[in-house]
Amino acid sequence: MLRALFSILLVLFLVSGCIKEVPNPKYSGTNQKEVRMFIDEIVNELAPLEKELAATQYAAWDGGNDEDYKKAAELETLYRLKLSDREKFRKLSEYRKRNIKDSLLRREIEVLYLMFLENQLDKDIIEELVKRSNAIEKKFNTFRAKIDDKEVTMNDIKEILRTSKDRKLREKAYLAQKSIGKEIGKEIVELMNIRNYAATKVGFKDFYEYRLAIQDLDKNYVLGLFDNLVKLTEEPFKIVKKEIDDMVSANLGVKPDELMPWDYFDPFFQEAPEFGELNLDNYFKKLDLVKVSVDFYKGLGMDPTDILERSSLFEKPKKNPHAFEMSVDRTNDIRILCNLKNDYDWMTTLIHELGHALYDKYTSKDLPWLLRTPASSFTTEGIAQLFERAVSKDGFLKKYLGMSEEERAKFRYVFDKQLRFRQLVFLRWSAVMVNFEAQAYANPDQNLNKLWWDLVEKYQHIKRIPNRDEPDYAAKIHIATVPVYYHNYIIGELYGSQLLFAITGYINKKPSIRNVSVEEVNKIDFIDTPELGVYVKDKVFSPGASLDWKAFVKFSTGEELSPEYFAKQFF
């Protein structure tokens, strides 16, 4: 069934997301020097300001004080105001129509055009958007939930949901995580309305449609993709969900139909639970995660040492409780932020974030400043998720966890099964996020908590909490601070699988990606494989944003983006 699903979805990927303007022949003799000078003038203003803004934001999120947040808001406002200049946007729109022969210059125009498009707003709207989003972000970063009046971290809550059999404690932990919603739910609705107003001012129906266009995607394309994924995974997901429910209910000593949202592995049911045979966290308790990550990537011919030296890796007060990567200057100042704990989850997160960081590190610095970014958000997610998968491979288990062949043989089947479960569970969770944002921006003043739980029940088959009407949706940080982004994770998974087939073909000297078998792909375990690193650095990292995402995917894998390889690998 899932193979049929991805065959049907292939059609969707052959449809372009956004309509491109065709170069106008009457401009064929355009003066490229004029365009070059115009772009350089803008970049010379933006580059130092972006660097200062990024460094200030990082300081704020890394447990910073009120002054850090205030300065970050001021710098972001100034940055966005520079991109709001209507005369410069008019000239960029004109340059897009010209027949410019220099491919990099054409790409710079396109990238800069989208940056300006995002900010074609009045000064008062920009200031209001920045002020409100930064205020919410600060609350998120500094908020600490409480259980029985005791302050707890996100790691504490995750640990309870992973290990505790005390359902009362699980419920308290779950509701504690959701309690941030009460603090910011009203503010998020107000922010959604302002975002929508801003989107209509630049000619879009709502912010959802606007935000996708800036990513060179189309609303119908994205929602159509997820609708088909949901319809065609309904039966497979029912089977997986029943097995998870049976396992969870047996562990907690309740009937499957008595399970509540707090009985699952994490607060959003976005991850599949670990199967009882694994108990992987015990293997990671004495592991030096940072040392392992350095050794892992050096085995691929990439060195993250300088990145880690600049990064904040462990918990501290008022620090952002999640994880992210940031290129401060699009050159050498690249950092990640984590809250490391010695367990499987944080090992995969560290590998993931360093995947993003190494993408930025090895993007060619010979490229113009504007093009020193990933080709698309989903391509950097695809790389991060691809490397993250390595933690469950034989080579990693042998080298870093010291597992014997017998142990690895025992775990191999369970790992493969869990990875398939993870893909289905995460896909259905992503459908909640994608559809929630699409429908919420269509009407922010509806009962958003009802909408949230309607979608959770529909896509994840998790029952809602009776008689509860709290802004539980607001507990997901992406909705407030990284809006209209979640589709990138799923499209990134598709790209990651397709890229792995291409890498396998390169290593095994196959004439085409279509000559690569799943068995060959599964033998690639990423450990001490410098050929893999060479391919990724040359074909993925180095080009940066010099190509649009469709051309980039074909350049890096040999084919247009397709769900076929993801289906072959997992289903």
Protein backbone atom coordinates (compact mmCIF):
# COMPACT_ATOMS: atom_id res chain seq x y z
CA MET A 1 0.00 0.00 0.00
CA LEU A 2 2.76 2.47 0.91
CA ARG A 3 4.59 1.77 -2.33
CA ALA A 4 1.38 2.70 -4.16
CA LEU A 5 1.15 5.82 -2.04
CA PHE A 6 4.54 7.10 -3.08
CA SER A 7 3.97 6.25 -6.74
CA ILE A 8 0.88 8.44 -6.71
CA LEU A 9 2.70 11.20 -4.85
CA LEU A 10 5.37 11.25 -7.52
CA VAL A 11 2.97 13.21 -9.71
CA LEU A 12 2.78 15.96 -7.11
CA PHE A 13 6.52 16.44 -7.11
CA LEU A 14 6.56 17.08 -10.84
CA VAL A 15 4.42 20.20 -10.43
CA SER A 16 6.26 23.43 -9.76
CA GLY A 17 5.47 25.20 -6.52
CA CYS A 18 5.54 28.82 -7.68
CA ILE A 19 5.14 30.57 -11.01
CA LYS A 20 8.38 32.09 -12.22
CA GLU A 21 8.59 35.19 -14.35
CA VAL A 22 10.05 34.51 -17.81
CA PRO A 23 13.04 36.70 -18.75
CA ASN A 24 12.01 39.45 -21.14
CA PRO A 25 14.02 39.42 -24.41
CA LYS A 26 13.88 43.23 -24.65
CA TYR A 27 16.29 43.39 -21.71
CA SER A 28 18.83 41.07 -23.30
CA GLY A 29 21.43 43.83 -23.48
CA THR A 30 21.15 44.80 -19.83
CA ASN A 31 24.17 46.23 -18.03
CA GLN A 32 25.21 43.51 -15.58
CA LYS A 33 27.66 45.87 -13.90
CA GLU A 34 24.74 48.08 -12.91
CA VAL A 35 22.95 45.12 -11.32
CA ARG A 36 26.14 43.97 -9.60
CA MET A 37 26.69 47.39 -8.03
CA PHE A 38 23.07 47.57 -6.90
CA ILE A 39 23.24 44.18 -5.15
CA ASP A 40 26.63 44.88 -3.58
CA GLU A 41 25.32 48.11 -2.13
CA ILE A 42 22.47 46.26 -0.41
CA VAL A 43 24.69 43.40 0.81
CA ASN A 44 27.22 45.81 2.28
CA GLU A 45 24.43 47.14 4.48
CA LEU A 46 22.85 43.79 5.33
CA ALA A 47 25.88 41.60 6.08
CA PRO A 48 27.26 43.40 9.16
CA LEU A 49 23.77 44.01 10.49
CA GLU A 50 22.79 40.35 10.08
CA LYS A 51 25.95 39.29 11.88
CA GLU A 52 25.25 41.56 14.85
CA LEU A 53 21.60 40.47 14.95
CA ALA A 54 22.45 36.76 14.89
CA ALA A 55 25.08 37.09 17.64
CA THR A 56 22.65 39.06 19.81
CA GLN A 57 19.82 36.58 19.29
CA TYR A 58 22.11 33.71 20.20
CA ALA A 59 23.16 35.50 23.39
CA ALA A 60 19.52 36.10 24.32
CA TRP A 61 18.48 32.49 23.72
CA ASP A 62 21.52 31.22 25.59
CA GLY A 63 20.17 32.45 28.94
CA GLY A 64 20.52 36.14 28.13
CA ASN A 65 19.04 39.07 30.01
CA ASP A 66 16.34 41.61 29.15
CA GLU A 67 18.87 43.86 27.43
CA ASP A 68 19.85 41.07 25.04
CA TYR A 69 16.23 40.53 24.03
CA LYS A 70 15.65 44.27 23.68
CA LYS A 71 18.73 44.73 21.50
CA ALA A 72 17.81 41.69 19.37
CA ALA A 73 14.35 43.16 18.72
CA GLU A 74 15.83 46.53 17.76
CA LEU A 75 18.32 44.95 15.38
CA GLU A 76 15.71 42.71 13.78
CA THR A 77 13.45 45.71 13.23
CA LEU A 78 16.29 47.65 11.61
CA TYR A 79 17.21 44.66 9.42
CA ARG A 80 13.67 44.18 8.22
CA LEU A 81 13.19 47.88 7.58
CA LYS A 82 16.19 47.87 5.25
CA LEU A 83 14.47 45.06 3.33
CA SER A 84 11.21 47.01 3.15
CA ASP A 85 12.52 49.70 0.79
CA ARG A 86 9.89 49.85 -1.97
CA GLU A 87 12.10 51.49 -4.57
CA LYS A 88 14.76 48.81 -4.20
CA PHE A 89 12.05 46.14 -4.40
CA ARG A 90 10.75 47.75 -7.60
CA LYS A 91 14.23 47.60 -9.14
CA LEU A 92 14.67 43.96 -8.10
CA SER A 93 11.32 43.13 -9.69
CA GLU A 94 12.53 44.78 -12.88
CA TYR A 95 15.89 42.97 -12.81
CA ARG A 96 14.10 39.62 -12.47
CA LYS A 97 12.60 40.20 -15.93
CA ARG A 98 15.92 40.87 -17.56
CA ASN A 99 17.86 38.28 -19.55
CA ILE A 100 20.97 38.24 -17.34
CA LYS A 101 23.55 35.72 -18.56
CA ASP A 102 25.48 35.35 -15.30
CA SER A 103 23.71 32.47 -13.51
CA LEU A 104 24.98 33.42 -10.04
CA LEU A 105 23.88 37.01 -10.52
CA ARG A 106 20.42 35.82 -11.59
CA ARG A 107 20.26 33.66 -8.46
CA GLU A 108 21.29 36.57 -6.23
CA ILE A 109 18.49 38.67 -7.70
CA GLU A 110 15.97 35.90 -7.00
CA VAL A 111 17.15 35.31 -3.42
CA LEU A 112 17.21 39.03 -2.64
CA TYR A 113 13.81 39.52 -4.28
CA LEU A 114 12.27 36.93 -1.92
CA MET A 115 13.95 38.58 1.08
CA PHE A 116 12.45 41.95 0.09
CA LEU A 117 9.07 40.37 -0.70
CA GLU A 118 8.88 39.12 2.88
CA ASN A 119 9.30 42.66 4.18
CA GLN A 120 7.22 44.85 1.88
CA LEU A 121 5.38 46.23 4.88
CA ASP A 122 4.92 49.58 6.57
CA LYS A 123 7.32 50.51 9.35
CA ASP A 124 4.68 50.26 12.08
CA ILE A 125 3.68 46.72 11.02
CA ILE A 126 7.29 45.52 10.97
CA GLU A 127 7.91 46.99 14.42
CA GLU A 128 4.76 45.39 15.80
CA LEU A 129 5.57 41.97 14.33
CA VAL A 130 9.10 42.01 15.72
CA LYS A 131 8.02 43.27 19.13
CA ARG A 132 5.34 40.62 19.54
CA SER A 133 7.29 37.66 18.19
CA ASN A 134 10.32 38.51 20.33
CA ALA A 135 8.17 38.87 23.45
CA ILE A 136 6.66 35.42 22.88
CA GLU A 137 10.08 33.94 22.14
CA LYS A 138 11.47 35.33 25.38
CA LYS A 139 8.61 33.77 27.35
CA PHE A 140 9.22 30.43 25.66
CA ASN A 141 12.92 30.49 26.36
CA THR A 142 12.67 31.53 29.99
CA PHE A 143 9.55 29.58 30.96
CA ARG A 144 10.01 26.65 33.31
CA ALA A 145 7.07 24.33 33.99
CA LYS A 146 6.21 23.20 37.51
CA ILE A 147 5.13 19.85 38.93
CA ASP A 148 3.71 20.17 42.46
CA ASP A 149 5.30 23.63 42.74
CA LYS A 150 8.71 22.21 41.80
CA GLU A 151 10.33 23.74 38.72
CA VAL A 152 11.21 21.19 36.04
CA THR A 153 13.07 21.32 32.74
CA MET A 154 11.97 19.93 29.40
CA ASN A 155 14.47 17.11 29.93
CA ASP A 156 12.76 16.28 33.24
CA ILE A 157 9.36 16.09 31.54
CA LYS A 158 10.67 13.92 28.73
CA GLU A 159 12.29 11.57 31.25
CA ILE A 160 8.99 11.12 33.10
CA LEU A 161 7.09 10.41 29.88
CA ARG A 162 9.74 7.93 28.76
CA THR A 163 10.13 5.96 31.95
CA SER A 164 7.50 6.53 34.63
CA LYS A 165 4.66 4.07 35.20
CA ASP A 166 2.94 6.50 37.58
CA ARG A 167 0.04 7.77 35.46
CA LYS A 168 -0.74 10.60 37.88
CA LEU A 169 2.84 11.83 37.59
CA ARG A 170 2.72 11.42 33.81
CA GLU A 171 -0.45 13.50 33.66
CA LYS A 172 1.14 16.22 35.78
CA ALA A 173 4.25 16.27 33.59
CA TYR A 174 2.19 16.42 30.40
CA LEU A 175 -0.01 19.25 31.66
CA ALA A 176 3.03 21.09 33.01
CA GLN A 177 4.52 21.09 29.51
CA LYS A 178 1.24 22.44 28.13
CA SER A 179 1.02 25.19 30.76
CA ILE A 180 3.08 27.59 28.65
CA GLY A 181 -0.01 27.78 26.43
CA LYS A 182 -1.90 29.75 29.08
CA GLU A 183 0.92 32.29 29.12
CA ILE A 184 1.06 32.94 25.39
CA GLY A 185 -2.10 31.54 23.72
CA LYS A 186 -3.85 34.90 23.42
CA GLU A 187 -0.65 36.55 22.20
CA ILE A 188 -0.22 33.93 19.46
CA VAL A 189 -3.74 34.56 18.15
CA GLU A 190 -3.07 38.29 18.08
CA LEU A 191 0.23 37.67 16.29
CA MET A 192 -1.50 35.43 13.72
CA ASN A 193 -3.97 38.22 12.93
CA ILE A 194 -1.17 40.74 12.50
CA ARG A 195 0.76 38.30 10.30
CA ASN A 196 -2.35 37.81 8.18
CA TYR A 197 -2.83 41.56 7.86
CA ALA A 198 0.77 41.93 6.76
CA ALA A 199 0.34 39.16 4.16
CA THR A 200 -2.74 40.78 2.64
CA LYS A 201 -0.85 44.06 2.33
CA VAL A 202 1.55 42.40 -0.10
CA GLY A 203 -1.14 40.64 -2.09
CA PHE A 204 -1.56 37.23 -0.44
CA LYS A 205 -4.71 35.63 0.93
CA ASP A 206 -3.16 34.89 4.32
CA PHE A 207 0.17 34.45 6.07
CA TYR A 208 0.30 30.71 5.37
CA GLU A 209 0.17 31.24 1.63
CA TYR A 210 2.61 34.16 1.91
CA ARG A 211 5.16 32.25 3.97
CA LEU A 212 5.17 29.29 1.56
CA ALA A 213 5.68 31.58 -1.44
CA ILE A 214 8.79 33.02 0.20
CA GLN A 215 10.07 29.42 0.43
CA ASP A 216 9.37 28.94 -3.29
CA LEU A 217 6.46 26.61 -2.52
CA ASP A 218 2.73 26.70 -3.13
CA LYS A 219 -0.09 26.13 -0.64
CA ASN A 220 -2.04 23.73 -2.86
CA TYR A 221 1.14 21.77 -3.58
CA VAL A 222 2.02 21.31 0.10
CA LEU A 223 -1.50 20.59 1.34
CA GLY A 224 -2.14 18.26 -1.58
CA LEU A 225 1.00 16.32 -0.74
CA PHE A 226 0.00 15.90 2.89
CA ASP A 227 -3.62 15.05 2.06
CA ASN A 228 -2.45 12.19 -0.11
CA LEU A 229 0.07 11.04 2.48
CA VAL A 230 -2.64 10.96 5.12
CA LYS A 231 -5.22 9.14 3.01
CA LEU A 232 -2.85 6.50 1.80
CA THR A 233 -1.18 5.84 5.17
CA GLU A 234 -4.43 5.56 7.10
CA GLU A 235 -4.53 1.76 7.23
CA PRO A 236 -0.78 1.23 7.82
CA PHE A 237 -0.89 3.83 10.59
CA LYS A 238 -3.86 2.10 12.25
CA ILE A 239 -1.79 -1.09 12.44
CA VAL A 240 1.23 0.73 13.87
CA LYS A 241 -0.88 2.75 16.31
CA LYS A 242 -2.59 -0.40 17.61
CA GLU A 243 0.76 -2.07 18.27
CA ILE A 244 2.01 1.03 20.08
CA ASP A 245 -1.20 1.23 22.12
CA ASP A 246 -0.95 -2.44 23.07
CA MET A 247 2.66 -1.99 24.15
CA VAL A 248 1.98 1.21 26.14
CA SER A 249 -1.14 -0.14 27.80
CA ALA A 250 0.63 -3.34 28.85
CA ASN A 251 3.49 -1.29 30.30
CA LEU A 252 1.12 0.94 32.29
CA GLY A 253 -1.38 -1.76 33.24
CA VAL A 254 -4.45 -0.20 31.59
CA LYS A 255 -6.73 -1.08 28.72
CA PRO A 256 -5.84 0.39 25.29
CA ASP A 257 -9.08 2.34 25.13
CA GLU A 258 -8.20 4.00 28.45
CA LEU A 259 -4.99 5.56 27.16
CA MET A 260 -4.71 9.34 27.39
CA PRO A 261 -2.30 11.78 25.71
CA TRP A 262 0.10 11.70 28.67
CA ASP A 263 0.57 7.95 28.35
CA TYR A 264 2.70 8.27 25.22
CA PHE A 265 6.43 8.75 24.77
CA ASP A 266 6.49 12.53 24.35
CA PRO A 267 4.08 15.45 24.81
CA PHE A 268 3.03 15.58 21.17
CA PHE A 269 3.23 11.90 20.09
CA GLN A 270 5.70 12.97 17.42
CA GLU A 271 8.07 10.09 18.15
CA ALA A 272 7.54 6.36 18.23
CA PRO A 273 8.31 4.83 21.63
CA GLU A 274 11.39 2.71 22.14
CA PHE A 275 10.59 -0.97 22.09
CA GLY A 276 11.19 -2.76 25.35
CA GLU A 277 14.05 -4.82 23.98
CA LEU A 278 16.18 -1.74 23.33
CA ASN A 279 16.74 0.18 26.59
CA LEU A 280 19.24 2.21 24.61
CA ASP A 281 19.60 5.00 27.14
CA ASN A 282 21.62 2.67 29.36
CA TYR A 283 24.26 2.47 26.62
CA PHE A 284 24.57 6.25 26.43
CA LYS A 285 24.85 7.04 30.14
CA LYS A 286 28.65 6.96 30.23
CA LEU A 287 29.21 8.14 26.67
CA ASP A 288 30.89 11.49 25.95
CA LEU A 289 28.39 12.71 23.35
CA VAL A 290 30.56 15.61 22.20
CA LYS A 291 33.64 13.43 21.71
CA VAL A 292 31.58 10.84 19.82
CA SER A 293 30.09 13.47 17.51
CA VAL A 294 33.53 14.84 16.64
CA ASP A 295 34.91 11.37 15.91
CA PHE A 296 31.83 10.45 13.88
CA TYR A 297 32.06 13.44 11.58
CA LYS A 298 35.84 13.29 11.29
CA GLY A 299 35.35 9.76 9.97
CA LEU A 300 33.40 11.39 7.13
CA GLY A 301 36.14 13.93 6.49
CA MET A 302 34.35 16.79 8.26
CA ASP A 303 35.52 18.51 11.43
CA PRO A 304 32.95 20.08 13.79
CA THR A 305 35.48 20.94 16.53
CA ASP A 306 35.45 24.71 15.91
CA ILE A 307 31.63 24.71 15.82
CA LEU A 308 31.38 22.94 19.17
CA GLU A 309 33.92 25.28 20.75
CA ARG A 310 31.66 28.25 19.93
CA SER A 311 28.47 26.48 21.02
CA SER A 312 26.39 26.27 24.19
CA LEU A 313 25.74 22.59 24.83
CA PHE A 314 24.36 22.10 28.34
CA GLU A 315 21.41 23.22 30.45
CA LYS A 316 21.42 26.47 32.38
CA PRO A 317 18.79 28.92 33.70
CA LYS A 318 16.70 30.94 31.23
CA LYS A 319 18.24 29.13 28.28
CA ASN A 320 16.18 28.04 25.30
CA PRO A 321 15.18 24.46 26.26
CA HIS A 322 15.33 23.08 22.75
CA ALA A 323 18.10 22.83 20.12
CA PHE A 324 19.04 24.80 17.02
CA GLU A 325 21.90 25.76 14.70
CA MET A 326 22.91 29.24 13.60
CA SER A 327 25.36 30.66 11.07
CA VAL A 328 26.18 34.03 12.55
CA ASP A 329 28.16 35.52 9.68
CA ARG A 330 27.69 33.16 6.69
CA THR A 331 31.44 32.55 6.88
CA ASN A 332 33.12 30.91 9.86
CA ASP A 333 31.08 31.78 12.96
CA ILE A 334 28.72 28.81 13.06
CA ARG A 335 27.18 27.55 16.32
CA ILE A 336 24.64 25.15 17.73
CA LEU A 337 22.68 25.27 20.98
CA CYS A 338 21.69 22.13 22.89
CA ASN A 339 20.75 20.99 26.39
CA LEU A 340 22.68 17.74 26.33
CA LYS A 341 21.89 14.81 28.53
CA ASN A 342 23.44 11.36 28.18
CA ASP A 343 20.69 9.53 26.32
CA TYR A 344 19.82 8.33 22.84
CA ASP A 345 17.57 11.30 22.09
CA TRP A 346 20.26 13.90 22.72
CA MET A 347 22.87 11.88 20.83
CA THR A 348 20.68 11.96 17.73
CA THR A 349 19.88 15.65 18.31
CA LEU A 350 23.57 16.56 18.54
CA ILE A 351 24.35 14.67 15.32
CA HIS A 352 21.33 16.36 13.71
CA GLU A 353 22.27 19.93 14.66
CA LEU A 354 25.88 19.40 13.63
CA GLY A 355 24.57 18.21 10.25
CA HIS A 356 23.00 21.65 9.79
CA ALA A 357 26.16 23.35 11.01
CA LEU A 358 28.50 21.44 8.71
CA TYR A 359 26.25 22.29 5.77
CA ASP A 360 26.93 25.97 6.55
CA LYS A 361 30.62 25.38 7.26
CA TYR A 362 31.33 23.65 3.95
CA THR A 363 29.17 25.86 1.74
CA SER A 364 31.68 27.44 -0.66
CA LYS A 365 32.92 30.78 0.66
CA ASP A 366 33.73 31.71 -2.93
CA LEU A 367 29.99 32.14 -3.47
CA PRO A 368 28.48 35.60 -3.11
CA TRP A 369 27.28 36.33 0.44
CA LEU A 370 23.61 35.99 -0.53
CA LEU A 371 24.13 32.43 -1.77
CA ARG A 372 26.01 31.10 1.27
CA THR A 373 22.91 29.35 2.59
CA PRO A 374 21.30 25.95 1.95
CA ALA A 375 19.37 25.59 -1.30
CA SER A 376 16.16 25.19 0.72
CA SER A 377 15.06 24.67 4.30
CA PHE A 378 14.14 21.10 3.41
CA THR A 379 17.59 20.32 1.99
CA THR A 380 19.33 21.19 5.26
CA GLU A 381 16.66 19.26 7.19
CA GLY A 382 17.20 16.31 4.86
CA ILE A 383 20.93 16.29 5.55
CA ALA A 384 20.46 16.61 9.32
CA GLN A 385 17.90 13.81 9.38
CA LEU A 386 20.05 11.61 7.15
CA PHE A 387 23.04 11.84 9.50
CA GLU A 388 20.77 11.39 12.51
CA ARG A 389 19.70 7.99 11.17
CA ALA A 390 23.32 6.82 11.49
CA VAL A 391 23.02 6.55 15.29
CA SER A 392 20.82 3.47 14.83
CA LYS A 393 23.12 1.75 12.34
CA ASP A 394 25.35 -1.24 13.01
CA GLY A 395 28.58 0.69 12.63
CA PHE A 396 27.65 3.28 15.25
CA LEU A 397 26.44 0.64 17.72
CA LYS A 398 29.66 -1.31 17.34
CA LYS A 399 32.17 1.53 17.42
CA TYR A 400 30.68 3.84 20.05
CA LEU A 401 28.44 1.63 22.17
CA GLY A 402 30.69 -1.41 22.06
CA MET A 403 27.85 -3.76 21.16
CA SER A 404 28.81 -7.29 20.26
CA GLU A 405 27.66 -8.91 17.04
CA GLU A 406 25.13 -10.87 19.06
CA GLU A 407 23.71 -7.71 20.62
CA ARG A 408 23.58 -5.90 17.29
CA ALA A 409 21.84 -8.86 15.67
CA LYS A 410 19.23 -8.74 18.41
CA PHE A 411 18.70 -5.02 17.98
CA ARG A 412 18.89 -4.85 14.19
CA TYR A 413 15.34 -6.00 13.57
CA VAL A 414 13.98 -3.82 16.37
CA PHE A 415 15.81 -0.76 15.04
CA ASP A 416 14.50 -1.28 11.53
CA LYS A 417 11.01 -1.73 12.89
CA GLN A 418 11.26 1.32 15.12
CA LEU A 419 12.53 3.45 12.25
CA ARG A 420 9.55 2.47 10.12
CA PHE A 421 7.26 3.24 13.04
CA ARG A 422 9.03 6.55 13.57
CA GLN A 423 8.49 7.59 9.96
CA LEU A 424 4.76 6.88 10.12
CA VAL A 425 4.28 8.48 13.54
CA PHE A 426 6.23 11.59 12.60
CA LEU A 427 4.46 11.90 9.26
CA ARG A 428 1.05 11.87 10.96
CA TRP A 429 2.23 14.37 13.59
CA SER A 430 3.52 16.63 10.81
CA ALA A 431 0.09 16.46 9.19
CA VAL A 432 -1.35 17.93 12.40
CA MET A 433 1.10 20.83 12.30
CA VAL A 434 0.74 21.55 8.59
CA ASN A 435 -3.06 21.45 8.59
CA PHE A 436 -3.35 23.33 11.89
CA GLU A 437 -1.34 26.27 10.61
CA ALA A 438 -3.12 26.31 7.25
CA GLN A 439 -6.56 26.34 8.90
CA ALA A 440 -5.57 28.60 11.79
CA TYR A 441 -4.28 31.32 9.47
CA ALA A 442 -7.40 30.95 7.36
CA ASN A 443 -9.37 31.94 10.48
CA PRO A 444 -7.32 32.77 13.60
CA ASP A 445 -10.41 33.77 15.57
CA GLN A 446 -11.99 30.32 15.55
CA ASN A 447 -11.66 28.01 18.56
CA LEU A 448 -8.09 27.01 17.88
CA ASN A 449 -7.90 24.51 20.72
CA LYS A 450 -10.89 22.66 19.27
CA LEU A 451 -9.23 22.74 15.85
CA TRP A 452 -6.00 21.41 17.38
CA TRP A 453 -7.67 18.46 19.08
CA ASP A 454 -9.87 17.73 16.06
CA LEU A 455 -6.68 17.32 14.02
CA VAL A 456 -4.89 15.31 16.72
CA GLU A 457 -7.80 12.87 16.82
CA LYS A 458 -8.07 12.73 13.02
CA TYR A 459 -4.39 12.27 12.14
CA GLN A 460 -2.79 10.77 15.26
CA HIS A 461 -5.76 8.82 16.67
CA ILE A 462 -5.12 10.28 20.14
CA LYS A 463 -8.21 11.00 22.21
CA ARG A 464 -8.70 14.54 23.46
CA ILE A 465 -8.80 15.42 27.16
CA PRO A 466 -12.46 15.68 28.24
CA ASN A 467 -13.78 19.10 29.27
CA ARG A 468 -10.47 20.83 28.57
CA ASP A 469 -10.39 24.10 26.65
CA GLU A 470 -6.88 25.45 27.00
CA PRO A 471 -4.57 26.72 24.21
CA ASP A 472 -2.60 23.46 24.06
CA TYR A 473 -1.51 24.22 20.49
CA ALA A 474 0.51 27.15 21.87
CA ALA A 475 2.86 24.74 23.68
CA LYS A 476 4.50 23.88 20.33
CA ILE A 477 7.28 26.42 19.87
CA HIS A 478 7.25 26.30 16.06
CA ILE A 479 3.76 27.85 15.88
CA ALA A 480 4.94 31.01 17.56
CA THR A 481 8.58 31.33 16.56
CA VAL A 482 9.13 29.22 13.40
CA PRO A 483 5.80 29.51 11.58
CA VAL A 484 4.91 27.53 8.46
CA TYR A 485 8.04 25.38 8.58
CA TYR A 486 6.98 21.84 9.46
CA HIS A 487 6.45 20.63 5.90
CA ASN A 488 10.23 20.94 5.46
CA TYR A 489 10.84 18.00 7.80
CA ILE A 490 8.81 15.57 5.70
CA ILE A 491 10.05 16.82 2.33
CA GLY A 492 13.52 16.70 3.90
CA GLU A 493 13.06 13.02 4.75
CA LEU A 494 12.18 12.32 1.12
CA TYR A 495 15.25 14.22 -0.06
CA GLY A 496 17.49 12.49 2.50
CA SER A 497 16.52 9.04 1.25
CA GLN A 498 16.96 10.00 -2.39
CA LEU A 499 20.36 11.48 -1.58
CA LEU A 500 21.43 8.30 0.22
CA PHE A 501 20.60 6.26 -2.89
CA ALA A 502 22.73 8.67 -4.92
CA ILE A 503 25.62 8.47 -2.45
CA THR A 504 25.43 4.67 -2.45
CA GLY A 505 25.57 4.66 -6.23
CA TYR A 506 28.65 6.90 -6.12
CA ILE A 507 30.45 4.70 -3.58
CA ASN A 508 29.55 1.49 -5.44
CA LYS A 509 30.30 3.03 -8.87
CA LYS A 510 26.78 2.53 -10.22
CA PRO A 511 25.90 4.27 -13.51
CA SER A 512 22.59 5.58 -12.17
CA ILE A 513 20.68 6.00 -8.93
CA ARG A 514 18.13 3.58 -10.39
CA ASN A 515 20.70 0.80 -10.38
CA VAL A 516 21.07 1.01 -6.59
CA SER A 517 19.28 -1.60 -4.48
CA VAL A 518 17.80 -1.13 -1.01
CA GLU A 519 20.18 -3.79 0.27
CA GLU A 520 23.16 -1.72 -0.88
CA VAL A 521 21.72 1.40 0.72
CA ASN A 522 21.20 -0.37 4.04
CA LYS A 523 24.85 -1.39 4.13
CA ILE A 524 25.96 2.26 4.26
CA ASP A 525 26.44 2.87 7.99
CA PHE A 526 28.32 6.22 7.79
CA ILE A 527 31.20 5.09 10.00
CA ASP A 528 34.66 5.98 8.66
CA THR A 529 33.34 6.50 5.14
CA PRO A 530 35.26 9.49 3.72
CA GLU A 531 33.83 8.88 0.22
CA LEU A 532 30.41 9.77 1.64
CA GLY A 533 31.80 13.00 3.04
CA VAL A 534 33.43 13.89 -0.26
CA TYR A 535 30.12 13.43 -2.11
CA VAL A 536 28.12 15.46 0.41
CA LYS A 537 30.62 18.31 0.54
CA ASP A 538 30.91 18.54 -3.25
CA LYS A 539 27.33 17.88 -4.29
CA VAL A 540 25.29 19.22 -1.35
CA PHE A 541 27.22 21.64 0.82
CA SER A 542 29.46 23.48 -1.62
CA PRO A 543 26.74 24.74 -4.06
CA GLY A 544 24.86 26.61 -1.30
CA ALA A 545 21.88 28.44 -2.78
CA SER A 546 23.47 28.84 -6.21
CA LEU A 547 20.64 26.73 -7.65
CA ASP A 548 16.91 26.82 -6.94
CA TRP A 549 15.70 23.77 -5.01
CA LYS A 550 14.44 21.82 -8.02
CA ALA A 551 17.69 22.24 -9.93
CA PHE A 552 19.70 21.56 -6.78
CA VAL A 553 17.95 18.25 -6.09
CA LYS A 554 18.64 17.11 -9.64
CA PHE A 555 22.29 18.23 -9.37
CA SER A 556 22.87 16.47 -6.03
CA THR A 557 20.98 13.23 -6.74
CA GLY A 558 20.74 12.96 -10.52
CA GLU A 559 16.92 13.05 -10.51
CA GLU A 560 14.01 15.33 -9.70
CA LEU A 561 12.68 15.04 -6.17
CA SER A 562 10.56 11.92 -5.75
CA PRO A 563 9.05 9.96 -2.83
CA GLU A 564 10.06 6.73 -4.55
CA TYR A 565 13.37 6.29 -2.72
CA PHE A 566 11.93 7.03 0.71
CA ALA A 567 9.30 4.36 0.01
CA LYS A 568 11.91 1.84 -1.12
CA GLN A 569 14.02 2.42 1.96
CA PHE A 570 11.32 2.20 4.62
CA PHE A 571 8.22 0.54 3.23
